[in-house]
Amino acid sequence: MGTLIEAKLSSGLRAASEARALVARLKQRGLDGVLDDVTLLVSELVTNSYRYGGLQRGDAISLTISQEGRAVRVEIADPGRGKTIPAPRRPTAEGGWGLEIVRRTADRWGARKDGSGTVVWFELDIKTSKRVS
């Protein structure tokens, strides 16, 4: 099916709400079984980008959502200047839950540095709902 959303988000406090509004547009695409999880994980990763990505004023966060067969794939990319690849850490009462939530919720996920910054991605398998009549 291909790309469903491709957008540039501001790198400030409104980035996560912008991303959630874009994800809400997918409601008509028959993705009901994964839409809440996509919304949650996109919000977590976009928030991580602007909080920890070392972004500068004017930098944008890229959001790409595509459907490949029976899976939804999301990529969050930023020109972050951090030297390490994002990885889950041991969550505490004070924080550290973002990537742990991604790890526990996504069917597949990963992170990489490339020439233009940091990319964190995840995939969720689209579950077919079974209705009882």
Foldseek 3Di string as FASTA:
>chain_A
DWWDDKDWAALDPCRLVVVLVSLVVCPVVPQVQCSVVVSLLSSLVSVCCSPPQQDDHPWIWIWIWTDDPQKIKIKIWTQGPDPDWDDQDDADPVDRCNVVSQVVQFPDWGKDADPRGIMTMGMHGRDDDDDDD
